Amino acid sequence: MANRTERKLTGSGGRFIMIGAPLVVIGIVLALLLDHNWVGIGVTLAVLGAIPTVVGIALTLFAGVNRHARKDRPFA
């Protein structure tokens, strides 16, 4: 059962990262290359892309912690 949970968390985390990372990159490019109103639009797009990226990273890390805890080894 633990393997299935880890696979689901890792798959969902990867999907969230793939959704958010391009938005972050596009937003940063818009903010750096263009002027005036496009800077605000680029920053907004980067922030909106950062939210699913952070969620995806958290899910992937949680799956890694779950895998490590299942091995019955101490963390420290």
Protein backbone atom coordinates (compact mmCIF):
# COMPACT_ATOMS: atom_id res chain seq x y z
CA MET A 1 0.00 0.00 0.00
CA ALA A 2 2.87 2.38 0.75
CA ASN A 3 4.31 1.97 -2.75
CA ARG A 4 1.00 2.97 -4.28
CA THR A 5 0.79 6.07 -2.09
CA GLU A 6 4.33 7.09 -3.00
CA ARG A 7 3.64 6.62 -6.70
CA LYS A 8 0.49 8.73 -6.48
CA LEU A 9 2.25 11.51 -4.58
CA THR A 10 5.23 11.53 -6.93
CA GLY A 11 3.02 11.48 -10.02
CA SER A 12 0.86 14.32 -8.77
CA GLY A 13 3.92 16.29 -7.69
CA GLY A 14 5.52 15.93 -11.10
CA ARG A 15 2.33 17.00 -12.80
CA PHE A 16 2.07 20.13 -10.64
CA ILE A 17 5.71 20.99 -11.36
CA MET A 18 5.15 20.57 -15.10
CA ILE A 19 2.16 22.92 -14.91
CA GLY A 20 3.81 25.64 -12.83
CA ALA A 21 7.41 25.76 -14.08
CA PRO A 22 6.64 27.05 -17.61
CA LEU A 23 4.42 29.77 -16.16
CA VAL A 24 7.23 30.88 -13.86
CA VAL A 25 9.72 30.98 -16.73
CA ILE A 26 7.35 32.91 -19.02
CA GLY A 27 6.53 35.37 -16.24
CA ILE A 28 10.19 36.02 -15.46
CA VAL A 29 11.01 36.51 -19.14
CA LEU A 30 8.14 38.98 -19.54
CA ALA A 31 9.20 40.90 -16.44
CA LEU A 32 12.84 41.13 -17.49
CA LEU A 33 12.52 41.90 -21.18
CA LEU A 34 9.52 44.22 -21.42
CA ASP A 35 8.66 47.56 -19.80
CA HIS A 36 5.91 49.24 -17.81
CA ASN A 37 2.68 47.23 -17.65
CA TRP A 38 4.31 44.00 -18.81
CA VAL A 39 6.51 43.91 -15.71
CA GLY A 40 3.45 43.64 -13.48
CA ILE A 41 1.85 41.06 -15.74
CA GLY A 42 5.08 39.03 -15.79
CA VAL A 43 5.45 39.12 -12.02
CA THR A 44 1.82 38.12 -11.58
CA LEU A 45 2.24 35.23 -13.99
CA ALA A 46 5.42 34.11 -12.20
CA VAL A 47 3.69 34.17 -8.81
CA LEU A 48 0.68 32.25 -10.14
CA GLY A 49 3.07 29.68 -11.62
CA ALA A 50 5.07 29.44 -8.40
CA ILE A 51 2.07 28.20 -6.42
CA PRO A 52 1.63 24.85 -8.23
CA THR A 53 5.42 24.50 -8.47
CA VAL A 54 5.79 24.72 -4.69
CA VAL A 55 2.89 22.29 -4.20
CA GLY A 56 4.55 19.83 -6.60
CA ILE A 57 7.89 20.09 -4.83
CA ALA A 58 6.20 19.54 -1.46
CA LEU A 59 4.36 16.44 -2.72
CA THR A 60 7.56 15.01 -4.17
CA LEU A 61 9.48 15.66 -0.96
CA PHE A 62 6.69 14.11 1.09
CA ALA A 63 6.87 10.97 -1.05
CA GLY A 64 10.62 10.82 -0.46
CA VAL A 65 10.18 11.17 3.29
CA ASN A 66 7.50 8.47 3.20
CA ARG A 67 9.86 6.14 1.31
CA HIS A 68 12.69 6.82 3.77
CA ALA A 69 10.43 6.25 6.80
CA ARG A 70 9.28 2.92 5.38
CA LYS A 71 12.86 1.59 5.39
CA ASP A 72 12.97 1.64 9.23
CA ARG A 73 16.18 3.64 9.35
CA PRO A 74 16.71 6.61 11.65
CA PHE A 75 16.47 10.07 10.10
CA ALA A 76 19.35 11.62 12.06
